[in-house]
């Protein structure tokens, strides 16, 4: 659900007000708030078994092949690009540990990849909004896993377009195939599906 109007492209003051609101609601309102180019998005998801299990499986499978200084981090803090006025919280952030040693939010340009497990309640947030926002923020690789359909995609190669930076390459997959995210290949066998 988008809370601010679609054309909410106001200045730094409006962004700061949205940011303050999002931070004030952490841990007090169910779901997850993020600031997009369209305004504040509230994903009212309650932790659902298949979503949380998919996130766990992917984190563990990614970290199996990673060097010790790289992690597949789940949780806080958010990833923020203030100049674009976007603040997101990926389900999994592939990032070097030394890039996590910062006060406040993570710089999205330090992420190696963002991984999202599509929400049953708001799939457009992952398939539309984040496909638009992550290249604007400078996230080089965006992987989407969709337990609704047992499919997904890995988007890479940010390039300029008249509408702003976009991903140039999209590799679709179906559950059961191996998927390469940045430098690491993971199996999608046995990932749970929504019923």
Protein backbone atom coordinates (compact mmCIF):
# COMPACT_ATOMS: atom_id res chain seq x y z
CA UNK A 1 0.00 0.00 0.00
CA UNK A 2 1.42 3.40 -0.98
CA UNK A 3 0.77 6.06 1.64
CA UNK A 4 2.04 9.19 -0.11
CA UNK A 5 0.61 10.26 -3.48
CA UNK A 6 2.28 8.90 -6.59
CA UNK A 7 3.60 12.31 -7.59
CA UNK A 8 5.18 12.96 -4.18
CA UNK A 9 8.56 14.11 -5.49
CA UNK A 10 8.96 16.97 -2.99
CA UNK A 11 12.25 18.30 -1.75
CA UNK A 12 14.61 17.35 1.02
CA UNK A 13 12.18 18.62 3.69
CA UNK A 14 9.43 16.24 2.54
CA UNK A 15 11.88 13.34 2.37
CA UNK A 16 13.17 14.09 5.88
CA UNK A 17 9.58 14.14 7.20
CA UNK A 18 8.87 10.76 5.56
CA UNK A 19 12.13 9.36 6.92
CA UNK A 20 11.32 10.56 10.45
CA UNK A 21 7.87 8.96 10.21
CA UNK A 22 9.29 5.61 9.01
CA UNK A 23 11.88 5.54 11.78
CA UNK A 24 9.31 6.49 14.45
CA UNK A 25 7.08 3.55 13.48
CA UNK A 26 9.82 0.88 13.61
CA UNK A 27 8.77 -1.84 16.04
CA UNK A 28 5.48 -0.06 16.85
CA UNK A 29 3.38 -0.79 13.73
CA UNK A 30 3.19 -4.25 12.12
CA UNK A 31 4.81 -4.64 8.72
CA UNK A 32 7.62 -2.81 7.01
CA UNK A 33 7.73 0.82 5.84
CA UNK A 34 10.00 1.94 3.00
CA UNK A 35 10.42 5.22 1.12
CA UNK A 36 10.20 4.89 -2.65
CA UNK A 37 10.10 7.34 -5.54
CA UNK A 38 6.31 7.21 -5.16
CA UNK A 39 6.23 7.90 -1.42
CA UNK A 40 5.95 5.65 1.62
CA UNK A 41 5.09 2.00 1.01
CA UNK A 42 3.72 -0.08 3.87
CA UNK A 43 3.96 -3.80 3.38
CA UNK A 44 1.59 -5.15 6.01
CA UNK A 45 3.06 -8.64 5.79
CA UNK A 46 3.16 -10.73 8.86
CA UNK A 47 6.11 -13.12 8.83
CA UNK A 48 4.85 -16.01 6.71
CA UNK A 49 6.59 -19.37 6.89
CA UNK A 50 7.48 -19.70 3.18
CA UNK A 51 8.79 -16.10 3.02
CA UNK A 52 10.95 -16.46 6.11
CA UNK A 53 12.16 -19.94 5.18
CA UNK A 54 13.11 -18.80 1.67
CA UNK A 55 15.08 -15.91 3.16
CA UNK A 56 16.84 -18.28 5.58
CA UNK A 57 17.67 -20.88 2.91
CA UNK A 58 19.02 -18.26 0.52
CA UNK A 59 21.12 -16.57 3.20
CA UNK A 60 22.69 -19.87 4.25
CA UNK A 61 23.24 -21.04 0.66
CA UNK A 62 24.86 -17.75 -0.32
CA UNK A 63 27.16 -17.64 2.70
CA UNK A 64 28.37 -21.21 2.09
CA UNK A 65 30.39 -20.03 -0.91
CA UNK A 66 31.37 -16.56 0.29
CA UNK A 67 34.67 -15.47 1.78
CA UNK A 68 34.46 -14.75 5.50
CA UNK A 69 34.50 -10.96 5.03
CA UNK A 70 31.32 -11.03 2.88
CA UNK A 71 27.92 -11.71 4.47
CA UNK A 72 24.34 -12.23 3.40
CA UNK A 73 22.83 -9.90 5.99
CA UNK A 74 19.16 -9.92 6.95
CA UNK A 75 17.56 -7.19 9.03
CA UNK A 76 18.50 -3.65 9.86
CA UNK A 77 19.61 -1.01 9.09
CA UNK A 78 17.94 0.25 5.96
CA UNK A 79 19.73 1.04 2.71
CA UNK A 80 19.41 4.72 1.88
CA UNK A 81 20.25 7.02 -1.01
CA UNK A 82 19.37 10.50 0.26
CA UNK A 83 20.03 12.23 -3.07
CA UNK A 84 17.41 10.00 -4.73
CA UNK A 85 15.17 10.21 -1.62
CA UNK A 86 14.81 6.42 -1.38
CA UNK A 87 15.15 4.20 1.70
CA UNK A 88 14.62 0.44 1.37
CA UNK A 89 15.23 -2.67 3.49
CA UNK A 90 16.09 -5.70 1.33
CA UNK A 91 15.30 -9.13 2.70
CA UNK A 92 18.99 -10.02 2.16
CA UNK A 93 21.89 -7.63 1.60
CA UNK A 94 25.12 -9.12 0.26
CA UNK A 95 27.74 -6.78 1.70
CA UNK A 96 31.30 -6.71 2.97
CA UNK A 97 31.50 -6.63 6.76
CA UNK A 98 33.68 -3.50 6.74
CA UNK A 99 30.95 -1.66 4.79
CA UNK A 100 28.56 -2.39 7.67
CA UNK A 101 30.73 -0.46 10.13
CA UNK A 102 28.88 2.80 9.62
CA UNK A 103 26.53 4.85 11.77
CA UNK A 104 22.98 4.94 10.49
CA UNK A 105 21.86 3.47 7.18
CA UNK A 106 23.95 1.52 4.67
CA UNK A 107 25.13 3.17 1.47
CA UNK A 108 23.42 1.18 -1.34
CA UNK A 109 26.51 1.51 -3.54
CA UNK A 110 28.39 -0.69 -1.05
CA UNK A 111 25.94 -3.57 -1.53
CA UNK A 112 27.16 -6.36 -3.75
CA UNK A 113 23.56 -7.50 -4.25
CA UNK A 114 20.04 -7.10 -2.87
CA UNK A 115 17.81 -10.16 -2.65
CA UNK A 116 14.04 -9.97 -2.19
CA UNK A 117 11.50 -12.69 -1.50
CA UNK A 118 8.21 -11.53 -3.01
CA UNK A 119 5.51 -10.76 -0.50
CA UNK A 120 2.20 -12.48 -0.99
CA UNK A 121 0.37 -9.25 -0.06
CA UNK A 122 2.29 -6.71 -2.17
CA UNK A 123 4.15 -8.33 -5.11
CA UNK A 124 4.33 -5.07 -7.10
CA UNK A 125 6.63 -3.64 -4.44
CA UNK A 126 9.28 -6.24 -5.42
CA UNK A 127 8.51 -6.68 -9.14
CA UNK A 128 7.87 -3.02 -10.03
CA UNK A 129 8.92 -0.56 -7.33
CA UNK A 130 12.25 -2.13 -6.43
CA UNK A 131 13.09 -2.89 -10.07
CA UNK A 132 12.81 0.90 -10.54
CA UNK A 133 14.39 2.02 -7.24
CA UNK A 134 17.39 -0.28 -6.83
CA UNK A 135 19.22 0.88 -9.99
CA UNK A 136 18.44 4.50 -9.04
CA UNK A 137 20.11 3.80 -5.69
CA UNK A 138 23.12 2.15 -7.32
CA UNK A 139 22.51 -1.47 -6.18
CA UNK A 140 24.44 -3.44 -8.86
CA UNK A 141 22.59 -6.78 -8.63
CA UNK A 142 18.96 -7.39 -7.69
CA UNK A 143 17.65 -10.96 -7.30
CA UNK A 144 13.92 -11.67 -6.91
CA UNK A 145 12.49 -14.96 -5.63
CA UNK A 146 8.72 -15.40 -5.96
CA UNK A 147 7.14 -18.15 -3.80
CA UNK A 148 3.76 -17.43 -5.44
CA UNK A 149 4.93 -18.79 -8.81
CA UNK A 150 8.17 -20.66 -8.10
CA UNK A 151 10.04 -18.29 -10.41
CA UNK A 152 12.37 -15.35 -10.15
CA UNK A 153 14.86 -13.11 -11.91
CA UNK A 154 18.34 -11.67 -11.45
CA UNK A 155 18.78 -8.12 -12.76
CA UNK A 156 22.21 -6.61 -13.47
CA UNK A 157 24.13 -4.12 -15.62
CA UNK A 158 22.79 -0.69 -14.65
CA UNK A 159 22.68 1.65 -17.64
CA UNK A 160 21.27 5.15 -18.26
CA UNK A 161 17.81 5.58 -19.83
CA UNK A 162 15.61 8.65 -20.36
CA UNK A 163 13.72 7.63 -17.19
CA UNK A 164 16.90 7.25 -15.14
CA UNK A 165 19.21 4.30 -14.46
CA UNK A 166 17.71 0.87 -15.15
CA UNK A 167 18.93 -2.73 -15.22
CA UNK A 168 19.92 -3.80 -18.75
CA UNK A 169 20.11 -7.55 -18.15
CA UNK A 170 17.41 -9.81 -16.73
CA UNK A 171 17.90 -13.56 -16.29
CA UNK A 172 14.69 -15.37 -15.41
CA UNK A 173 14.70 -18.72 -13.61
CA UNK A 174 12.34 -21.33 -12.24
CA UNK A 175 12.70 -23.00 -8.86
CA UNK A 176 14.89 -26.07 -9.19
CA UNK A 177 17.55 -24.31 -11.28
CA UNK A 178 20.88 -22.97 -10.04
CA UNK A 179 20.97 -19.17 -9.91
CA UNK A 180 24.01 -16.89 -10.00
CA UNK A 181 23.84 -13.80 -7.80
CA UNK A 182 26.92 -11.61 -8.29
CA UNK A 183 29.81 -14.11 -7.92
CA UNK A 184 27.93 -16.90 -6.17
CA UNK A 185 25.74 -19.68 -7.54
CA UNK A 186 23.00 -21.10 -5.34
CA UNK A 187 20.50 -23.87 -5.78
CA UNK A 188 16.80 -23.07 -5.74
CA UNK A 189 15.83 -26.70 -5.14
CA UNK A 190 13.44 -27.19 -2.26
CA UNK A 191 12.56 -23.53 -1.78
CA UNK A 192 9.08 -23.28 -0.24
CA UNK A 193 6.05 -21.99 -2.11
CA UNK A 194 2.97 -20.11 -0.94
CA UNK A 195 -0.15 -22.30 -0.85
